[in-house]
Amino acid sequence: MSHTISKELFTFFKKLEKNNDREWFNDHKPEFKAIEAKVKSAYNYLGELMSAHDQIEKIKIFRIYRDVRFSKNKLPYKTHFGGSFARKKPELRGGYYLHIQPNDESFIATGFWDPSKEDLLRIRKEFEMDDSEMRAILKDKTFKATWGNFTGDELKTAPKGFDKEHPSIDLIRRKQFIFVKKYSDKEVLADDFLKEVNESFKNIRPFFNYMSDVLTTNLNGESLL
């Protein structure tokens, strides 16, 4: 099985965008199933590459069927593939995501999408006490070239109990700690795309090591595991 993303995938999704209904999809289901099998193989191959430098506990490829119950968008099918790679819990924190979508909409993302209330408070307390390690990671040349800066939601002001004049307030008021890297269709179709993604994921490790250390210890540095 090939470990590249095939052009048929983009072609299929572009057609699905124009014909996003059950009748068309059912008529083209064999074509979709063949593409899906190749995609699953590609995600599993990436998981193998990542296992050389991380402990990946689970790979989850999301289904193409949209949950339209609570959505204004009633189209039944997604026009992308998405899959997540979970790290070994509870000692390793953070997660990886690969999104493949035509028209240069593909991207990879890593970090913390939805930290629990307890984790968010612990992270903020760490930044309040000492943000030097986090700043050093963000300034690192390789890290910066790969991932840039945080994206995701943040508060407009200081969270309750924190000083809005604190020098680390830009970090403290974050609600999500996400890094995103975008790819063009041409880059996704390149032979070495999955190896490139693996290298980028490898470069997130200083951040994951730091966050895992923070989230498995108390403010005195004593282990919570």
N, C-alpha and C. Protein backbone atom coordinates (compact mmCIF):
# COMPACT_ATOMS: atom_id res chain seq x y z
N MET A 1 0.85 -1.20 0.00
CA MET A 1 0.00 0.00 0.00
C MET A 1 0.89 1.25 0.00
N SER A 2 0.53 2.21 -0.85
CA SER A 2 1.34 3.43 -0.96
C SER A 2 1.21 4.28 0.30
N HIS A 3 2.30 4.99 0.62
CA HIS A 3 2.27 5.86 1.80
C HIS A 3 2.23 7.33 1.40
N THR A 4 1.59 7.60 0.27
CA THR A 4 1.42 8.99 -0.15
C THR A 4 -0.08 9.30 -0.20
N ILE A 5 -0.39 10.58 -0.23
CA ILE A 5 -1.80 10.99 -0.37
C ILE A 5 -2.07 11.10 -1.88
N SER A 6 -3.09 10.40 -2.35
CA SER A 6 -3.32 10.36 -3.80
C SER A 6 -4.18 11.54 -4.27
N LYS A 7 -3.96 11.90 -5.52
CA LYS A 7 -4.68 13.01 -6.13
C LYS A 7 -6.19 12.71 -6.20
N GLU A 8 -6.54 11.40 -6.30
CA GLU A 8 -7.96 10.99 -6.37
C GLU A 8 -8.74 11.51 -5.16
N LEU A 9 -8.06 11.57 -4.03
CA LEU A 9 -8.72 12.03 -2.80
C LEU A 9 -9.23 13.47 -2.99
N PHE A 10 -8.36 14.35 -3.51
CA PHE A 10 -8.76 15.73 -3.74
C PHE A 10 -9.86 15.82 -4.80
N THR A 11 -9.70 15.04 -5.85
CA THR A 11 -10.70 15.03 -6.93
C THR A 11 -12.06 14.61 -6.39
N PHE A 12 -12.05 13.55 -5.56
CA PHE A 12 -13.30 13.04 -5.00
C PHE A 12 -13.97 14.10 -4.12
N PHE A 13 -13.20 14.74 -3.25
CA PHE A 13 -13.78 15.74 -2.34
C PHE A 13 -14.30 16.97 -3.09
N LYS A 14 -13.62 17.33 -4.19
CA LYS A 14 -14.10 18.47 -4.98
C LYS A 14 -15.45 18.14 -5.62
N LYS A 15 -15.61 16.88 -6.05
CA LYS A 15 -16.90 16.44 -6.63
C LYS A 15 -17.96 16.39 -5.53
N LEU A 16 -17.56 15.88 -4.36
CA LEU A 16 -18.50 15.77 -3.23
C LEU A 16 -19.00 17.14 -2.79
N GLU A 17 -18.10 18.13 -2.86
CA GLU A 17 -18.50 19.51 -2.51
C GLU A 17 -19.68 19.99 -3.37
N LYS A 18 -19.65 19.61 -4.63
CA LYS A 18 -20.72 20.02 -5.57
C LYS A 18 -21.95 19.12 -5.47
N ASN A 19 -21.78 17.91 -4.92
CA ASN A 19 -22.88 16.93 -4.87
C ASN A 19 -23.03 16.35 -3.47
N ASN A 20 -23.13 17.24 -2.47
CA ASN A 20 -23.13 16.75 -1.09
C ASN A 20 -24.53 16.25 -0.70
N ASP A 21 -24.87 15.08 -1.24
CA ASP A 21 -26.16 14.46 -0.88
C ASP A 21 -26.00 12.94 -0.87
N ARG A 22 -26.93 12.29 -0.20
CA ARG A 22 -26.83 10.85 0.02
C ARG A 22 -26.86 10.03 -1.27
N GLU A 23 -27.69 10.48 -2.20
CA GLU A 23 -27.84 9.72 -3.45
C GLU A 23 -26.52 9.66 -4.22
N TRP A 24 -25.90 10.83 -4.39
CA TRP A 24 -24.62 10.87 -5.11
C TRP A 24 -23.56 10.06 -4.36
N PHE A 25 -23.50 10.26 -3.04
CA PHE A 25 -22.48 9.56 -2.25
C PHE A 25 -22.66 8.04 -2.35
N ASN A 26 -23.88 7.57 -2.23
CA ASN A 26 -24.13 6.12 -2.31
C ASN A 26 -23.75 5.56 -3.68
N ASP A 27 -23.97 6.34 -4.73
CA ASP A 27 -23.57 5.91 -6.08
C ASP A 27 -22.04 5.82 -6.22
N HIS A 28 -21.34 6.62 -5.42
CA HIS A 28 -19.86 6.67 -5.52
C HIS A 28 -19.17 6.03 -4.31
N LYS A 29 -19.92 5.26 -3.56
CA LYS A 29 -19.38 4.68 -2.32
C LYS A 29 -18.16 3.77 -2.55
N PRO A 30 -18.19 2.89 -3.58
CA PRO A 30 -17.00 2.05 -3.80
C PRO A 30 -15.73 2.88 -4.01
N GLU A 31 -15.88 3.98 -4.77
CA GLU A 31 -14.74 4.89 -5.02
C GLU A 31 -14.26 5.47 -3.69
N PHE A 32 -15.21 5.92 -2.86
CA PHE A 32 -14.86 6.49 -1.56
C PHE A 32 -14.14 5.45 -0.69
N LYS A 33 -14.66 4.24 -0.65
CA LYS A 33 -14.09 3.17 0.20
C LYS A 33 -12.65 2.87 -0.19
N ALA A 34 -12.36 2.89 -1.49
CA ALA A 34 -10.99 2.64 -1.98
C ALA A 34 -10.05 3.76 -1.53
N ILE A 35 -10.55 5.01 -1.61
CA ILE A 35 -9.75 6.17 -1.18
C ILE A 35 -9.53 6.12 0.34
N GLU A 36 -10.61 5.80 1.07
CA GLU A 36 -10.53 5.73 2.53
C GLU A 36 -9.51 4.70 3.00
N ALA A 37 -9.47 3.54 2.32
CA ALA A 37 -8.51 2.48 2.69
C ALA A 37 -7.07 3.00 2.55
N LYS A 38 -6.81 3.74 1.47
CA LYS A 38 -5.46 4.30 1.27
C LYS A 38 -5.14 5.35 2.34
N VAL A 39 -6.13 6.15 2.68
CA VAL A 39 -5.93 7.20 3.69
C VAL A 39 -5.64 6.58 5.05
N LYS A 40 -6.40 5.54 5.40
CA LYS A 40 -6.16 4.85 6.69
C LYS A 40 -4.74 4.30 6.74
N SER A 41 -4.31 3.75 5.62
CA SER A 41 -2.95 3.22 5.54
C SER A 41 -1.92 4.34 5.74
N ALA A 42 -2.19 5.51 5.15
CA ALA A 42 -1.27 6.65 5.28
C ALA A 42 -1.20 7.13 6.74
N TYR A 43 -2.36 7.23 7.40
CA TYR A 43 -2.39 7.65 8.81
C TYR A 43 -1.66 6.64 9.69
N ASN A 44 -1.86 5.36 9.42
CA ASN A 44 -1.18 4.32 10.21
C ASN A 44 0.33 4.35 10.00
N TYR A 45 0.73 4.63 8.77
CA TYR A 45 2.16 4.74 8.46
C TYR A 45 2.76 5.93 9.22
N LEU A 46 2.04 7.06 9.22
CA LEU A 46 2.51 8.22 9.98
C LEU A 46 2.63 7.86 11.46
N GLY A 47 1.65 7.13 11.97
CA GLY A 47 1.70 6.67 13.37
C GLY A 47 2.94 5.85 13.66
N GLU A 48 3.32 5.01 12.70
CA GLU A 48 4.55 4.19 12.85
C GLU A 48 5.78 5.09 12.91
N LEU A 49 5.83 6.07 12.01
CA LEU A 49 6.97 7.01 12.00
C LEU A 49 7.06 7.74 13.34
N MET A 50 5.90 8.16 13.86
CA MET A 50 5.87 8.92 15.11
C MET A 50 6.26 8.05 16.30
N SER A 51 5.98 6.76 16.21
CA SER A 51 6.30 5.85 17.32
C SER A 51 7.80 5.73 17.56
N ALA A 52 8.60 6.17 16.58
CA ALA A 52 10.06 6.15 16.76
C ALA A 52 10.50 7.23 17.75
N HIS A 53 9.67 8.29 17.93
CA HIS A 53 10.09 9.37 18.84
C HIS A 53 9.03 9.71 19.88
N ASP A 54 7.90 9.02 19.88
CA ASP A 54 6.86 9.28 20.88
C ASP A 54 6.09 7.99 21.15
N GLN A 55 5.34 7.98 22.24
CA GLN A 55 4.51 6.81 22.56
C GLN A 55 3.07 7.12 22.16
N ILE A 56 2.70 6.62 21.00
CA ILE A 56 1.35 6.86 20.48
C ILE A 56 0.44 5.72 20.94
N GLU A 57 -0.59 6.12 21.68
CA GLU A 57 -1.48 5.12 22.28
C GLU A 57 -2.61 4.73 21.33
N LYS A 58 -3.08 5.72 20.54
CA LYS A 58 -4.26 5.46 19.72
C LYS A 58 -4.30 6.40 18.52
N ILE A 59 -4.66 5.82 17.36
CA ILE A 59 -4.89 6.63 16.16
C ILE A 59 -6.38 6.57 15.86
N LYS A 60 -6.99 7.73 15.68
CA LYS A 60 -8.43 7.76 15.40
C LYS A 60 -8.68 8.56 14.14
N ILE A 61 -9.25 7.90 13.14
CA ILE A 61 -9.59 8.60 11.90
C ILE A 61 -11.09 8.87 11.94
N PHE A 62 -11.46 10.12 11.81
CA PHE A 62 -12.87 10.51 11.98
C PHE A 62 -13.69 10.13 10.75
N ARG A 63 -14.92 9.77 10.98
CA ARG A 63 -15.81 9.33 9.91
C ARG A 63 -16.22 10.50 9.03
N ILE A 64 -16.63 10.18 7.81
CA ILE A 64 -16.99 11.23 6.85
C ILE A 64 -18.39 11.79 7.10
N TYR A 65 -19.18 11.05 7.87
CA TYR A 65 -20.56 11.49 8.11
C TYR A 65 -20.60 12.62 9.13
N ARG A 66 -21.26 13.70 8.78
CA ARG A 66 -21.37 14.84 9.69
C ARG A 66 -22.52 14.63 10.66
N ASP A 67 -22.33 15.10 11.88
CA ASP A 67 -23.42 15.09 12.86
C ASP A 67 -24.19 16.40 12.66
N VAL A 68 -25.34 16.30 11.99
CA VAL A 68 -26.06 17.53 11.61
C VAL A 68 -27.15 17.92 12.61
N ARG A 69 -27.28 17.14 13.68
CA ARG A 69 -28.40 17.36 14.61
C ARG A 69 -28.44 18.77 15.18
N PHE A 70 -27.28 19.30 15.57
CA PHE A 70 -27.26 20.62 16.23
C PHE A 70 -26.55 21.66 15.37
N SER A 71 -26.46 21.36 14.06
CA SER A 71 -25.69 22.25 13.19
C SER A 71 -26.60 22.95 12.18
N LYS A 72 -26.28 24.21 11.92
CA LYS A 72 -27.03 24.95 10.88
C LYS A 72 -26.71 24.37 9.50
N ASN A 73 -25.47 23.89 9.36
CA ASN A 73 -25.04 23.28 8.10
C ASN A 73 -25.57 21.84 8.05
N LYS A 74 -26.54 21.60 7.19
CA LYS A 74 -27.20 20.29 7.14
C LYS A 74 -26.62 19.36 6.07
N LEU A 75 -25.50 19.75 5.47
CA LEU A 75 -24.88 18.87 4.48
C LEU A 75 -24.42 17.58 5.16
N PRO A 76 -24.71 16.41 4.59
CA PRO A 76 -24.47 15.16 5.32
C PRO A 76 -23.01 14.69 5.40
N TYR A 77 -22.13 15.20 4.51
CA TYR A 77 -20.77 14.66 4.47
C TYR A 77 -19.71 15.74 4.64
N LYS A 78 -18.64 15.36 5.31
CA LYS A 78 -17.47 16.25 5.41
C LYS A 78 -16.73 16.18 4.07
N THR A 79 -16.02 17.23 3.74
CA THR A 79 -15.21 17.20 2.52
C THR A 79 -13.72 17.26 2.89
N HIS A 80 -13.39 16.54 3.94
CA HIS A 80 -12.00 16.41 4.36
C HIS A 80 -11.83 15.11 5.16
N PHE A 81 -10.58 14.73 5.34
CA PHE A 81 -10.26 13.65 6.28
C PHE A 81 -9.56 14.28 7.49
N GLY A 82 -9.89 13.79 8.66
CA GLY A 82 -9.21 14.25 9.87
C GLY A 82 -8.86 13.04 10.72
N GLY A 83 -7.72 13.10 11.37
CA GLY A 83 -7.34 12.00 12.26
C GLY A 83 -6.47 12.50 13.39
N SER A 84 -6.65 11.88 14.57
CA SER A 84 -5.86 12.31 15.74
C SER A 84 -4.96 11.17 16.22
N PHE A 85 -3.88 11.58 16.86
CA PHE A 85 -2.89 10.65 17.40
C PHE A 85 -2.74 10.97 18.88
N ALA A 86 -3.19 10.03 19.72
CA ALA A 86 -3.18 10.28 21.18
C ALA A 86 -1.89 9.74 21.80
N ARG A 87 -1.33 10.50 22.72
CA ARG A 87 -0.12 10.07 23.44
C ARG A 87 -0.49 9.23 24.66
N LYS A 88 0.48 8.51 25.18
CA LYS A 88 0.26 7.61 26.31
C LYS A 88 -0.09 8.42 27.57
N LYS A 89 -1.28 8.16 28.09
CA LYS A 89 -1.76 8.86 29.29
C LYS A 89 -1.47 8.02 30.54
N PRO A 90 -1.39 8.59 31.74
CA PRO A 90 -1.55 10.02 32.04
C PRO A 90 -0.24 10.81 31.98
N GLU A 91 0.89 10.11 31.77
CA GLU A 91 2.16 10.84 31.93
C GLU A 91 2.53 11.72 30.74
N LEU A 92 2.04 11.37 29.54
CA LEU A 92 2.38 12.18 28.36
C LEU A 92 1.17 12.99 27.92
N ARG A 93 1.30 14.30 27.93
CA ARG A 93 0.16 15.17 27.60
C ARG A 93 0.31 15.78 26.21
N GLY A 94 -0.85 16.25 25.68
CA GLY A 94 -0.86 16.84 24.35
C GLY A 94 -1.31 15.84 23.31
N GLY A 95 -1.67 16.34 22.14
CA GLY A 95 -2.13 15.46 21.07
C GLY A 95 -1.80 16.03 19.70
N TYR A 96 -1.90 15.17 18.69
CA TYR A 96 -1.58 15.56 17.31
C TYR A 96 -2.81 15.38 16.42
N TYR A 97 -2.92 16.20 15.38
CA TYR A 97 -4.05 16.10 14.46
C TYR A 97 -3.58 16.38 13.04
N LEU A 98 -4.04 15.56 12.08
CA LEU A 98 -3.74 15.77 10.66
C LEU A 98 -5.05 15.92 9.90
N HIS A 99 -5.17 17.01 9.13
CA HIS A 99 -6.39 17.37 8.41
C HIS A 99 -6.04 17.47 6.92
N ILE A 100 -6.73 16.69 6.10
CA ILE A 100 -6.45 16.70 4.65
C ILE A 100 -7.69 17.16 3.91
N GLN A 101 -7.54 18.30 3.21
CA GLN A 101 -8.69 18.92 2.52
C GLN A 101 -8.19 19.66 1.28
N PRO A 102 -8.92 19.53 0.16
CA PRO A 102 -8.46 20.22 -1.06
C PRO A 102 -8.52 21.74 -0.95
N ASN A 103 -8.02 22.39 -2.02
CA ASN A 103 -8.00 23.86 -2.13
C ASN A 103 -7.10 24.49 -1.06
N ASP A 104 -5.98 23.82 -0.80
CA ASP A 104 -4.95 24.33 0.12
C ASP A 104 -5.47 24.53 1.55
N GLU A 105 -6.41 23.68 1.96
CA GLU A 105 -7.00 23.79 3.30
C GLU A 105 -6.44 22.75 4.27
N SER A 106 -5.42 22.01 3.86
CA SER A 106 -4.86 20.98 4.74
C SER A 106 -3.98 21.62 5.81
N PHE A 107 -3.92 20.97 6.97
CA PHE A 107 -3.07 21.48 8.05
C PHE A 107 -2.78 20.38 9.06
N ILE A 108 -1.78 20.63 9.87
CA ILE A 108 -1.56 19.79 11.05
C ILE A 108 -1.69 20.69 12.28
N ALA A 109 -2.08 20.11 13.39
CA ALA A 109 -2.22 20.88 14.62
C ALA A 109 -1.76 20.02 15.79
N THR A 110 -1.23 20.69 16.80
CA THR A 110 -0.80 19.98 18.00
C THR A 110 -1.13 20.86 19.21
N GLY A 111 -1.09 20.24 20.38
CA GLY A 111 -1.25 21.03 21.60
C GLY A 111 -2.44 20.61 22.42
N PHE A 112 -3.11 21.64 22.99
CA PHE A 112 -4.19 21.41 23.95
C PHE A 112 -5.42 22.19 23.50
N TRP A 113 -6.39 21.46 22.93
CA TRP A 113 -7.61 22.08 22.38
C TRP A 113 -8.57 22.49 23.49
N ASP A 114 -8.72 21.57 24.45
CA ASP A 114 -9.79 21.74 25.43
C ASP A 114 -9.30 21.32 26.81
N PRO A 115 -8.32 22.06 27.37
CA PRO A 115 -7.80 21.64 28.68
C PRO A 115 -8.89 21.69 29.75
N SER A 116 -8.87 20.73 30.66
CA SER A 116 -9.83 20.73 31.77
C SER A 116 -9.59 21.97 32.63
N LYS A 117 -10.58 22.30 33.43
CA LYS A 117 -10.50 23.47 34.31
C LYS A 117 -9.25 23.40 35.22
N GLU A 118 -9.01 22.18 35.72
CA GLU A 118 -7.87 21.97 36.63
C GLU A 118 -6.54 22.16 35.88
N ASP A 119 -6.46 21.56 34.68
CA ASP A 119 -5.23 21.69 33.90
C ASP A 119 -4.96 23.13 33.51
N LEU A 120 -6.02 23.83 33.11
CA LEU A 120 -5.88 25.23 32.68
C LEU A 120 -5.37 26.09 33.84
N LEU A 121 -5.91 25.88 35.03
CA LEU A 121 -5.47 26.63 36.20
C LEU A 121 -4.01 26.31 36.52
N ARG A 122 -3.65 25.04 36.43
CA ARG A 122 -2.27 24.62 36.73
C ARG A 122 -1.28 25.27 35.76
N ILE A 123 -1.65 25.30 34.48
CA ILE A 123 -0.79 25.92 33.46
C ILE A 123 -0.64 27.42 33.72
N ARG A 124 -1.76 28.06 34.01
CA ARG A 124 -1.73 29.51 34.27
C ARG A 124 -0.88 29.84 35.50
N LYS A 125 -1.02 29.02 36.53
CA LYS A 125 -0.24 29.22 37.77
C LYS A 125 1.26 29.09 37.47
N GLU A 126 1.60 28.14 36.61
CA GLU A 126 3.01 27.94 36.22
C GLU A 126 3.54 29.18 35.52
N PHE A 127 2.77 29.71 34.56
CA PHE A 127 3.19 30.91 33.84
C PHE A 127 3.29 32.11 34.78
N GLU A 128 2.39 32.17 35.76
CA GLU A 128 2.41 33.26 36.73
C GLU A 128 3.69 33.21 37.56
N MET A 129 4.11 31.98 37.87
CA MET A 129 5.28 31.79 38.72
C MET A 129 6.58 31.96 37.92
N ASP A 130 6.60 31.35 36.72
CA ASP A 130 7.83 31.38 35.92
C ASP A 130 7.51 31.03 34.47
N ASP A 131 7.67 32.00 33.58
CA ASP A 131 7.36 31.73 32.17
C ASP A 131 8.62 31.54 31.32
N SER A 132 9.79 31.49 31.98
CA SER A 132 11.05 31.51 31.22
C SER A 132 11.22 30.28 30.31
N GLU A 133 10.82 29.10 30.80
CA GLU A 133 10.97 27.90 29.97
C GLU A 133 10.07 27.98 28.73
N MET A 134 8.84 28.43 28.93
CA MET A 134 7.91 28.55 27.81
C MET A 134 8.41 29.56 26.79
N ARG A 135 8.93 30.70 27.27
CA ARG A 135 9.47 31.74 26.37
C ARG A 135 10.65 31.19 25.56
N ALA A 136 11.51 30.41 26.23
CA ALA A 136 12.69 29.84 25.54
C ALA A 136 12.25 28.88 24.43
N ILE A 137 11.21 28.08 24.70
CA ILE A 137 10.69 27.14 23.68
C ILE A 137 10.17 27.94 22.48
N LEU A 138 9.36 28.97 22.76
CA LEU A 138 8.76 29.77 21.67
C LEU A 138 9.81 30.52 20.84
N LYS A 139 10.95 30.83 21.47
CA LYS A 139 12.00 31.59 20.77
C LYS A 139 12.96 30.68 20.01
N ASP A 140 12.94 29.38 20.33
CA ASP A 140 13.88 28.45 19.69
C ASP A 140 13.71 28.48 18.17
N LYS A 141 14.87 28.54 17.46
CA LYS A 141 14.86 28.73 16.01
C LYS A 141 14.08 27.65 15.26
N THR A 142 14.39 26.38 15.56
CA THR A 142 13.73 25.27 14.86
C THR A 142 12.25 25.25 15.18
N PHE A 143 11.94 25.45 16.46
CA PHE A 143 10.54 25.44 16.89
C PHE A 143 9.75 26.53 16.18
N LYS A 144 10.32 27.72 16.17
CA LYS A 144 9.66 28.89 15.58
C LYS A 144 9.45 28.70 14.08
N ALA A 145 10.47 28.16 13.41
CA ALA A 145 10.40 27.95 11.96
C ALA A 145 9.30 26.93 11.62
N THR A 146 9.13 25.94 12.49
CA THR A 146 8.12 24.90 12.23
C THR A 146 6.72 25.36 12.61
N TRP A 147 6.58 25.92 13.81
CA TRP A 147 5.25 26.11 14.40
C TRP A 147 4.82 27.56 14.62
N GLY A 148 5.75 28.50 14.56
CA GLY A 148 5.36 29.89 14.82
C GLY A 148 4.91 30.08 16.25
N ASN A 149 3.75 30.73 16.45
CA ASN A 149 3.28 31.03 17.80
C ASN A 149 1.94 30.35 18.06
N PHE A 150 1.46 30.46 19.31
CA PHE A 150 0.17 29.89 19.69
C PHE A 150 -0.97 30.43 18.83
N THR A 151 -1.96 29.57 18.57
CA THR A 151 -3.24 30.05 18.05
C THR A 151 -4.31 29.50 19.00
N GLY A 152 -5.56 29.86 18.76
CA GLY A 152 -6.64 29.37 19.62
C GLY A 152 -7.24 30.49 20.45
N ASP A 153 -8.23 30.13 21.26
CA ASP A 153 -9.00 31.13 22.02
C ASP A 153 -8.23 31.69 23.21
N GLU A 154 -8.52 32.93 23.52
CA GLU A 154 -7.95 33.56 24.72
C GLU A 154 -8.95 34.55 25.28
N LEU A 155 -8.80 34.85 26.55
CA LEU A 155 -9.66 35.84 27.20
C LEU A 155 -9.21 37.24 26.79
N LYS A 156 -10.14 38.20 26.84
CA LYS A 156 -9.77 39.59 26.51
C LYS A 156 -9.01 40.24 27.67
N THR A 157 -9.29 39.73 28.87
CA THR A 157 -8.63 40.30 30.05
C THR A 157 -8.06 39.17 30.91
N ALA A 158 -7.64 39.51 32.12
CA ALA A 158 -7.04 38.48 32.99
C ALA A 158 -8.11 37.53 33.51
N PRO A 159 -7.79 36.22 33.64
CA PRO A 159 -8.74 35.32 34.29
C PRO A 159 -8.90 35.70 35.77
N LYS A 160 -9.99 35.28 36.35
CA LYS A 160 -10.27 35.58 37.75
C LYS A 160 -9.10 35.14 38.65
N GLY A 161 -8.69 36.04 39.54
CA GLY A 161 -7.61 35.69 40.47
C GLY A 161 -6.21 35.99 39.95
N PHE A 162 -6.10 36.52 38.72
CA PHE A 162 -4.79 36.85 38.15
C PHE A 162 -4.71 38.35 37.87
N ASP A 163 -3.49 38.87 37.98
CA ASP A 163 -3.26 40.30 37.81
C ASP A 163 -3.17 40.64 36.31
N LYS A 164 -4.01 41.58 35.86
CA LYS A 164 -3.98 41.91 34.42
C LYS A 164 -2.70 42.65 34.01
N GLU A 165 -1.92 43.10 34.99
CA GLU A 165 -0.64 43.77 34.68
C GLU A 165 0.54 42.79 34.73
N HIS A 166 0.26 41.52 34.98
CA HIS A 166 1.34 40.52 35.10
C HIS A 166 2.13 40.46 33.79
N PRO A 167 3.47 40.40 33.84
CA PRO A 167 4.26 40.35 32.59
C PRO A 167 3.94 39.13 31.70
N SER A 168 3.39 38.07 32.29
CA SER A 168 3.05 36.88 31.48
C SER A 168 1.58 36.83 31.10
N ILE A 169 0.89 37.96 31.18
CA ILE A 169 -0.56 37.95 30.97
C ILE A 169 -0.94 37.45 29.56
N ASP A 170 -0.05 37.67 28.57
CA ASP A 170 -0.33 37.17 27.21
C ASP A 170 -0.45 35.64 27.19
N LEU A 171 0.31 34.98 28.06
CA LEU A 171 0.24 33.50 28.17
C LEU A 171 -0.89 33.09 29.11
N ILE A 172 -1.03 33.81 30.21
CA ILE A 172 -2.01 33.45 31.25
C ILE A 172 -3.46 33.51 30.73
N ARG A 173 -3.73 34.45 29.85
CA ARG A 173 -5.14 34.59 29.45
C ARG A 173 -5.54 33.63 28.32
N ARG A 174 -4.59 32.81 27.86
CA ARG A 174 -4.93 31.82 26.83
C ARG A 174 -5.88 30.76 27.38
N LYS A 175 -6.85 30.34 26.56
CA LYS A 175 -7.76 29.24 26.94
C LYS A 175 -7.39 27.95 26.22
N GLN A 176 -6.68 28.13 25.09
CA GLN A 176 -6.20 26.98 24.31
C GLN A 176 -4.72 27.19 24.02
N PHE A 177 -4.02 26.08 23.89
CA PHE A 177 -2.58 26.14 23.61
C PHE A 177 -2.31 25.29 22.37
N ILE A 178 -2.58 25.88 21.20
CA ILE A 178 -2.56 25.14 19.94
C ILE A 178 -1.52 25.73 18.99
N PHE A 179 -0.86 24.84 18.26
CA PHE A 179 0.01 25.26 17.16
C PHE A 179 -0.52 24.64 15.88
N VAL A 180 -0.53 25.43 14.80
CA VAL A 180 -1.08 24.96 13.52
C VAL A 180 -0.06 25.23 12.41
N LYS A 181 0.05 24.27 11.51
CA LYS A 181 0.92 24.45 10.33
C LYS A 181 0.11 24.08 9.09
N LYS A 182 0.04 24.99 8.11
CA LYS A 182 -0.80 24.77 6.92
C LYS A 182 0.03 24.21 5.75
N TYR A 183 -0.69 23.50 4.86
CA TYR A 183 -0.04 22.91 3.68
C TYR A 183 -0.87 23.17 2.42
N SER A 184 -0.16 23.39 1.31
CA SER A 184 -0.84 23.51 0.02
C SER A 184 -1.13 22.10 -0.52
N ASP A 185 -2.03 22.02 -1.50
CA ASP A 185 -2.34 20.72 -2.13
C ASP A 185 -1.06 20.10 -2.69
N LYS A 186 -0.24 20.92 -3.30
CA LYS A 186 1.02 20.43 -3.91
C LYS A 186 1.91 19.77 -2.85
N GLU A 187 2.01 20.40 -1.69
CA GLU A 187 2.84 19.86 -0.60
C GLU A 187 2.27 18.53 -0.09
N VAL A 188 0.93 18.46 0.00
CA VAL A 188 0.28 17.24 0.51
C VAL A 188 0.51 16.07 -0.45
N LEU A 189 0.52 16.36 -1.76
CA LEU A 189 0.68 15.29 -2.76
C LEU A 189 2.14 14.87 -2.97
N ALA A 190 3.08 15.60 -2.37
CA ALA A 190 4.50 15.27 -2.53
C ALA A 190 4.82 13.92 -1.87
N ASP A 191 5.80 13.23 -2.44
CA ASP A 191 6.17 11.89 -1.95
C ASP A 191 6.57 11.88 -0.48
N ASP A 192 7.22 12.96 -0.04
CA ASP A 192 7.75 12.96 1.33
C ASP A 192 6.83 13.69 2.32
N PHE A 193 5.57 13.91 1.95
CA PHE A 193 4.66 14.68 2.81
C PHE A 193 4.56 14.10 4.23
N LEU A 194 4.32 12.80 4.35
CA LEU A 194 4.12 12.22 5.68
C LEU A 194 5.41 12.25 6.50
N LYS A 195 6.54 12.16 5.83
CA LYS A 195 7.83 12.27 6.55
C LYS A 195 8.02 13.69 7.05
N GLU A 196 7.59 14.65 6.23
CA GLU A 196 7.69 16.07 6.62
C GLU A 196 6.78 16.34 7.83
N VAL A 197 5.56 15.79 7.79
CA VAL A 197 4.62 15.94 8.92
C VAL A 197 5.23 15.33 10.18
N ASN A 198 5.82 14.16 10.03
CA ASN A 198 6.45 13.49 11.17
C ASN A 198 7.56 14.36 11.78
N GLU A 199 8.38 14.97 10.92
CA GLU A 199 9.46 15.85 11.41
C GLU A 199 8.88 17.05 12.17
N SER A 200 7.81 17.61 11.63
CA SER A 200 7.17 18.76 12.29
C SER A 200 6.62 18.35 13.65
N PHE A 201 5.99 17.19 13.70
CA PHE A 201 5.47 16.69 14.98
C PHE A 201 6.61 16.44 15.97
N LYS A 202 7.72 15.97 15.44
CA LYS A 202 8.90 15.71 16.29
C LYS A 202 9.39 17.02 16.93
N ASN A 203 9.28 18.12 16.16
CA ASN A 203 9.76 19.42 16.64
C ASN A 203 8.88 20.05 17.72
N ILE A 204 7.72 19.46 17.98
CA ILE A 204 6.85 20.00 19.03
C ILE A 204 7.27 19.48 20.41
N ARG A 205 8.14 18.48 20.42
CA ARG A 205 8.45 17.79 21.66
C ARG A 205 8.91 18.66 22.84
N PRO A 206 9.74 19.68 22.63
CA PRO A 206 10.12 20.50 23.78
C PRO A 206 8.90 21.06 24.51
N PHE A 207 7.89 21.47 23.74
CA PHE A 207 6.65 22.00 24.32
C PHE A 207 5.88 20.90 25.05
N PHE A 208 5.75 19.74 24.42
CA PHE A 208 5.03 18.63 25.06
C PHE A 208 5.75 18.14 26.33
N ASN A 209 7.08 18.08 26.27
CA ASN A 209 7.84 17.65 27.46
C ASN A 209 7.60 18.62 28.62
N TYR A 210 7.65 19.90 28.29
CA TYR A 210 7.44 20.94 29.30
C TYR A 210 6.02 20.85 29.89
N MET A 211 5.01 20.78 29.02
CA MET A 211 3.62 20.74 29.49
C MET A 211 3.32 19.46 30.26
N SER A 212 3.89 18.36 29.82
CA SER A 212 3.68 17.09 30.54
C SER A 212 4.26 17.18 31.94
N ASP A 213 5.43 17.82 32.02
CA ASP A 213 6.09 18.00 33.31
C ASP A 213 5.24 18.88 34.24
N VAL A 214 4.70 19.98 33.68
CA VAL A 214 3.85 20.89 34.46
C VAL A 214 2.59 20.16 34.93
N LEU A 215 1.95 19.43 34.04
CA LEU A 215 0.63 18.83 34.34
C LEU A 215 0.70 17.54 35.15
N THR A 216 1.90 17.06 35.38
CA THR A 216 2.00 15.85 36.23
C THR A 216 2.71 16.16 37.55
N THR A 217 2.88 17.47 37.84
CA THR A 217 3.49 17.86 39.11
C THR A 217 2.66 18.99 39.73
N ASN A 218 2.84 19.23 41.02
CA ASN A 218 2.23 20.40 41.63
C ASN A 218 3.19 21.59 41.52
N LEU A 219 2.81 22.74 42.08
CA LEU A 219 3.65 23.94 41.95
C LEU A 219 5.00 23.82 42.66
N ASN A 220 5.11 22.83 43.54
CA ASN A 220 6.41 22.59 44.19
C ASN A 220 7.26 21.61 43.39
N GLY A 221 6.72 21.14 42.25
CA GLY A 221 7.46 20.21 41.43
C GLY A 221 7.34 18.75 41.89
N GLU A 222 6.42 18.49 42.82
CA GLU A 222 6.24 17.10 43.31
C GLU A 222 5.28 16.36 42.39
N SER A 223 5.62 15.10 42.08
CA SER A 223 4.83 14.31 41.14
C SER A 223 3.41 14.06 41.65
N LEU A 224 2.45 14.16 40.72
CA LEU A 224 1.04 13.88 41.05
C LEU A 224 0.64 12.48 40.58
N LEU A 225 1.55 11.78 39.90
CA LEU A 225 1.20 10.46 39.35
C LEU A 225 1.35 9.37 40.40
